[in-house]
Amino acid sequence: MGFSAALAHLLNFAAPALVLALGLAAAGRLVSPGAGHLTGWWVQVAINFAVGCGVLLAGLVWFERDGKLATYAALVLACAACQWVLAGGWRR
């Protein structure tokens, strides 16, 4: 496998985590604009992306293949919980 193919595989592996991180941070600002968010928008995206990539990597190790529905469900739950913490959801 060449460098460009390996890079394409890596980017496609991390794409769901990036899209979910961007969507959660944007939706969090739209749903509760007056909430006391603990961090900035880009920090939320970066932390959610890191958590999402960790979940995807754990799913790859656990199931020994990529793209299992259980991994994507865990990705959504972990990123949603992370966004709730970053937005200060426990304070309300």
N, C-alpha and C. Protein backbone atom coordinates (compact mmCIF):
# COMPACT_ATOMS: atom_id res chain seq x y z
N MET A 1 0.85 -1.16 0.00
CA MET A 1 0.00 0.00 0.00
C MET A 1 0.90 1.23 0.00
N GLY A 2 0.62 2.12 -0.89
CA GLY A 2 1.40 3.34 -0.99
C GLY A 2 0.99 4.37 0.06
N PHE A 3 1.74 5.46 0.10
CA PHE A 3 1.48 6.52 1.08
C PHE A 3 0.12 7.15 0.87
N SER A 4 -0.24 7.43 -0.37
CA SER A 4 -1.52 8.10 -0.63
C SER A 4 -2.70 7.20 -0.26
N ALA A 5 -2.58 5.90 -0.52
CA ALA A 5 -3.65 4.97 -0.15
C ALA A 5 -3.76 4.85 1.37
N ALA A 6 -2.63 4.79 2.07
CA ALA A 6 -2.64 4.71 3.53
C ALA A 6 -3.24 5.98 4.13
N LEU A 7 -2.90 7.13 3.58
CA LEU A 7 -3.47 8.39 4.06
C LEU A 7 -4.97 8.44 3.82
N ALA A 8 -5.43 7.96 2.67
CA ALA A 8 -6.86 7.93 2.37
C ALA A 8 -7.60 7.02 3.35
N HIS A 9 -7.02 5.87 3.66
CA HIS A 9 -7.64 4.97 4.63
C HIS A 9 -7.71 5.60 6.02
N LEU A 10 -6.66 6.27 6.42
CA LEU A 10 -6.63 6.92 7.73
C LEU A 10 -7.66 8.05 7.82
N LEU A 11 -7.74 8.85 6.77
CA LEU A 11 -8.72 9.94 6.75
C LEU A 11 -10.15 9.41 6.75
N ASN A 12 -10.41 8.35 6.01
CA ASN A 12 -11.75 7.76 5.99
C ASN A 12 -12.09 7.09 7.32
N PHE A 13 -11.08 6.60 8.03
CA PHE A 13 -11.31 6.00 9.34
C PHE A 13 -11.73 7.07 10.36
N ALA A 14 -11.09 8.24 10.29
CA ALA A 14 -11.34 9.30 11.27
C ALA A 14 -12.49 10.24 10.87
N ALA A 15 -12.99 10.13 9.67
CA ALA A 15 -14.04 11.04 9.19
C ALA A 15 -15.31 11.02 10.04
N PRO A 16 -15.83 9.86 10.47
CA PRO A 16 -17.05 9.90 11.30
C PRO A 16 -16.84 10.66 12.61
N ALA A 17 -15.67 10.51 13.21
CA ALA A 17 -15.40 11.22 14.47
C ALA A 17 -15.33 12.73 14.23
N LEU A 18 -14.75 13.16 13.14
CA LEU A 18 -14.65 14.59 12.84
C LEU A 18 -16.02 15.19 12.55
N VAL A 19 -16.82 14.51 11.75
CA VAL A 19 -18.15 15.03 11.41
C VAL A 19 -19.02 15.10 12.66
N LEU A 20 -18.95 14.08 13.50
CA LEU A 20 -19.74 14.09 14.73
C LEU A 20 -19.27 15.18 15.68
N ALA A 21 -17.96 15.39 15.79
CA ALA A 21 -17.43 16.43 16.67
C ALA A 21 -17.87 17.82 16.20
N LEU A 22 -17.80 18.07 14.92
CA LEU A 22 -18.25 19.36 14.39
C LEU A 22 -19.75 19.55 14.60
N GLY A 23 -20.52 18.51 14.35
CA GLY A 23 -21.97 18.61 14.52
C GLY A 23 -22.39 18.82 15.96
N LEU A 24 -21.74 18.12 16.88
CA LEU A 24 -22.09 18.28 18.29
C LEU A 24 -21.75 19.67 18.81
N ALA A 25 -20.60 20.18 18.45
CA ALA A 25 -20.21 21.51 18.92
C ALA A 25 -21.14 22.58 18.35
N ALA A 26 -21.49 22.45 17.08
CA ALA A 26 -22.39 23.43 16.47
C ALA A 26 -23.80 23.31 17.05
N ALA A 27 -24.28 22.09 17.21
CA ALA A 27 -25.63 21.90 17.75
C ALA A 27 -25.71 22.34 19.21
N GLY A 28 -24.64 22.15 19.95
CA GLY A 28 -24.63 22.59 21.34
C GLY A 28 -24.79 24.09 21.46
N ARG A 29 -24.19 24.82 20.54
CA ARG A 29 -24.34 26.28 20.56
C ARG A 29 -25.72 26.72 20.11
N LEU A 30 -26.34 25.96 19.22
CA LEU A 30 -27.68 26.31 18.75
C LEU A 30 -28.76 25.95 19.76
N VAL A 31 -28.60 24.81 20.42
CA VAL A 31 -29.62 24.33 21.35
C VAL A 31 -29.63 25.16 22.63
N SER A 32 -28.45 25.45 23.15
CA SER A 32 -28.38 26.22 24.41
C SER A 32 -27.39 27.37 24.27
N PRO A 33 -27.80 28.44 23.57
CA PRO A 33 -26.87 29.54 23.34
C PRO A 33 -26.50 30.31 24.60
N GLY A 34 -27.35 30.33 25.60
CA GLY A 34 -27.07 31.09 26.81
C GLY A 34 -26.36 30.28 27.88
N ALA A 35 -26.09 29.02 27.60
CA ALA A 35 -25.48 28.16 28.61
C ALA A 35 -24.03 28.57 28.84
N GLY A 36 -23.58 28.34 30.03
CA GLY A 36 -22.20 28.67 30.37
C GLY A 36 -21.25 27.57 29.91
N HIS A 37 -20.90 27.58 28.64
CA HIS A 37 -19.99 26.57 28.12
C HIS A 37 -18.62 26.74 28.77
N LEU A 38 -18.05 25.64 29.19
CA LEU A 38 -16.78 25.68 29.90
C LEU A 38 -15.59 25.93 28.98
N THR A 39 -15.73 25.57 27.71
CA THR A 39 -14.62 25.70 26.76
C THR A 39 -15.09 26.37 25.49
N GLY A 40 -14.16 26.77 24.67
CA GLY A 40 -14.48 27.37 23.39
C GLY A 40 -14.95 26.34 22.38
N TRP A 41 -15.45 26.83 21.26
CA TRP A 41 -16.02 25.97 20.23
C TRP A 41 -14.98 25.02 19.65
N TRP A 42 -13.82 25.54 19.29
CA TRP A 42 -12.79 24.70 18.68
C TRP A 42 -12.20 23.72 19.68
N VAL A 43 -12.16 24.08 20.93
CA VAL A 43 -11.68 23.15 21.96
C VAL A 43 -12.66 21.99 22.09
N GLN A 44 -13.95 22.28 22.04
CA GLN A 44 -14.96 21.22 22.08
C GLN A 44 -14.82 20.28 20.90
N VAL A 45 -14.60 20.85 19.71
CA VAL A 45 -14.42 20.02 18.52
C VAL A 45 -13.18 19.14 18.68
N ALA A 46 -12.08 19.70 19.14
CA ALA A 46 -10.85 18.93 19.28
C ALA A 46 -10.98 17.81 20.31
N ILE A 47 -11.62 18.09 21.44
CA ILE A 47 -11.77 17.06 22.48
C ILE A 47 -12.73 15.98 22.01
N ASN A 48 -13.85 16.36 21.40
CA ASN A 48 -14.78 15.36 20.88
C ASN A 48 -14.14 14.53 19.77
N PHE A 49 -13.32 15.15 18.95
CA PHE A 49 -12.64 14.40 17.88
C PHE A 49 -11.66 13.40 18.48
N ALA A 50 -10.93 13.81 19.50
CA ALA A 50 -9.97 12.89 20.14
C ALA A 50 -10.70 11.73 20.81
N VAL A 51 -11.80 12.02 21.50
CA VAL A 51 -12.58 10.95 22.13
C VAL A 51 -13.15 10.02 21.05
N GLY A 52 -13.65 10.60 19.98
CA GLY A 52 -14.21 9.80 18.90
C GLY A 52 -13.18 8.90 18.23
N CYS A 53 -11.99 9.43 17.99
CA CYS A 53 -10.94 8.60 17.39
C CYS A 53 -10.52 7.49 18.35
N GLY A 54 -10.51 7.78 19.63
CA GLY A 54 -10.20 6.75 20.62
C GLY A 54 -11.23 5.63 20.62
N VAL A 55 -12.50 5.99 20.52
CA VAL A 55 -13.57 4.99 20.48
C VAL A 55 -13.47 4.17 19.20
N LEU A 56 -13.22 4.82 18.08
CA LEU A 56 -13.09 4.09 16.82
C LEU A 56 -11.90 3.13 16.86
N LEU A 57 -10.80 3.58 17.44
CA LEU A 57 -9.62 2.71 17.57
C LEU A 57 -9.90 1.54 18.50
N ALA A 58 -10.60 1.81 19.61
CA ALA A 58 -10.96 0.73 20.53
C ALA A 58 -11.88 -0.28 19.85
N GLY A 59 -12.82 0.20 19.05
CA GLY A 59 -13.70 -0.71 18.30
C GLY A 59 -12.93 -1.53 17.28
N LEU A 60 -11.94 -0.94 16.66
CA LEU A 60 -11.11 -1.67 15.70
C LEU A 60 -10.32 -2.77 16.40
N VAL A 61 -9.79 -2.47 17.56
CA VAL A 61 -9.03 -3.47 18.32
C VAL A 61 -9.96 -4.56 18.85
N TRP A 62 -11.11 -4.15 19.40
CA TRP A 62 -12.02 -5.11 20.02
C TRP A 62 -12.63 -6.07 19.00
N PHE A 63 -13.15 -5.53 17.89
CA PHE A 63 -13.84 -6.35 16.90
C PHE A 63 -12.92 -6.85 15.79
N GLU A 64 -11.70 -6.38 15.77
CA GLU A 64 -10.69 -6.75 14.76
C GLU A 64 -11.10 -6.39 13.34
N ARG A 65 -11.99 -5.43 13.21
CA ARG A 65 -12.35 -4.87 11.90
C ARG A 65 -13.05 -3.54 12.10
N ASP A 66 -13.07 -2.75 11.06
CA ASP A 66 -13.65 -1.42 11.10
C ASP A 66 -15.08 -1.47 10.60
N GLY A 67 -15.89 -0.52 11.06
CA GLY A 67 -17.22 -0.35 10.50
C GLY A 67 -18.32 -1.13 11.17
N LYS A 68 -18.10 -1.64 12.36
CA LYS A 68 -19.17 -2.34 13.07
C LYS A 68 -20.16 -1.32 13.63
N LEU A 69 -21.44 -1.66 13.59
CA LEU A 69 -22.47 -0.76 14.06
C LEU A 69 -22.33 -0.48 15.55
N ALA A 70 -21.87 -1.46 16.32
CA ALA A 70 -21.68 -1.26 17.75
C ALA A 70 -20.60 -0.20 18.01
N THR A 71 -19.59 -0.14 17.16
CA THR A 71 -18.55 0.87 17.32
C THR A 71 -19.12 2.26 17.07
N TYR A 72 -19.95 2.39 16.05
CA TYR A 72 -20.54 3.69 15.75
C TYR A 72 -21.53 4.11 16.83
N ALA A 73 -22.25 3.15 17.43
CA ALA A 73 -23.15 3.48 18.53
C ALA A 73 -22.35 3.95 19.75
N ALA A 74 -21.23 3.28 20.02
CA ALA A 74 -20.36 3.71 21.12
C ALA A 74 -19.77 5.08 20.84
N LEU A 75 -19.46 5.36 19.57
CA LEU A 75 -18.93 6.66 19.18
C LEU A 75 -19.94 7.76 19.50
N VAL A 76 -21.18 7.55 19.15
CA VAL A 76 -22.22 8.56 19.40
C VAL A 76 -22.43 8.75 20.90
N LEU A 77 -22.50 7.67 21.66
CA LEU A 77 -22.72 7.78 23.10
C LEU A 77 -21.55 8.46 23.81
N ALA A 78 -20.33 8.09 23.45
CA ALA A 78 -19.16 8.68 24.10
C ALA A 78 -19.03 10.16 23.77
N CYS A 79 -19.24 10.52 22.52
CA CYS A 79 -19.12 11.93 22.14
C CYS A 79 -20.26 12.77 22.72
N ALA A 80 -21.45 12.19 22.80
CA ALA A 80 -22.57 12.93 23.41
C ALA A 80 -22.31 13.17 24.90
N ALA A 81 -21.80 12.16 25.59
CA ALA A 81 -21.47 12.34 27.00
C ALA A 81 -20.35 13.35 27.19
N CYS A 82 -19.37 13.31 26.32
CA CYS A 82 -18.27 14.28 26.38
C CYS A 82 -18.77 15.70 26.13
N GLN A 83 -19.64 15.87 25.16
CA GLN A 83 -20.19 17.20 24.87
C GLN A 83 -21.04 17.69 26.03
N TRP A 84 -21.78 16.81 26.67
CA TRP A 84 -22.58 17.19 27.83
C TRP A 84 -21.70 17.71 28.95
N VAL A 85 -20.57 17.04 29.17
CA VAL A 85 -19.63 17.49 30.20
C VAL A 85 -18.99 18.82 29.81
N LEU A 86 -18.58 18.95 28.55
CA LEU A 86 -17.94 20.18 28.09
C LEU A 86 -18.88 21.37 28.11
N ALA A 87 -20.16 21.12 27.93
CA ALA A 87 -21.14 22.21 27.94
C ALA A 87 -21.63 22.54 29.35
N GLY A 88 -21.16 21.80 30.33
CA GLY A 88 -21.59 22.05 31.70
C GLY A 88 -23.00 21.60 31.96
N GLY A 89 -23.39 20.48 31.38
CA GLY A 89 -24.76 19.98 31.50
C GLY A 89 -25.16 19.58 32.90
N TRP A 90 -24.21 19.20 33.71
CA TRP A 90 -24.54 18.78 35.08
C TRP A 90 -24.93 19.96 35.95
N ARG A 91 -24.68 21.18 35.52
CA ARG A 91 -24.98 22.37 36.33
C ARG A 91 -26.45 22.78 36.24
N ARG A 92 -27.17 22.30 35.25
CA ARG A 92 -28.56 22.72 35.05
C ARG A 92 -29.51 21.88 35.80
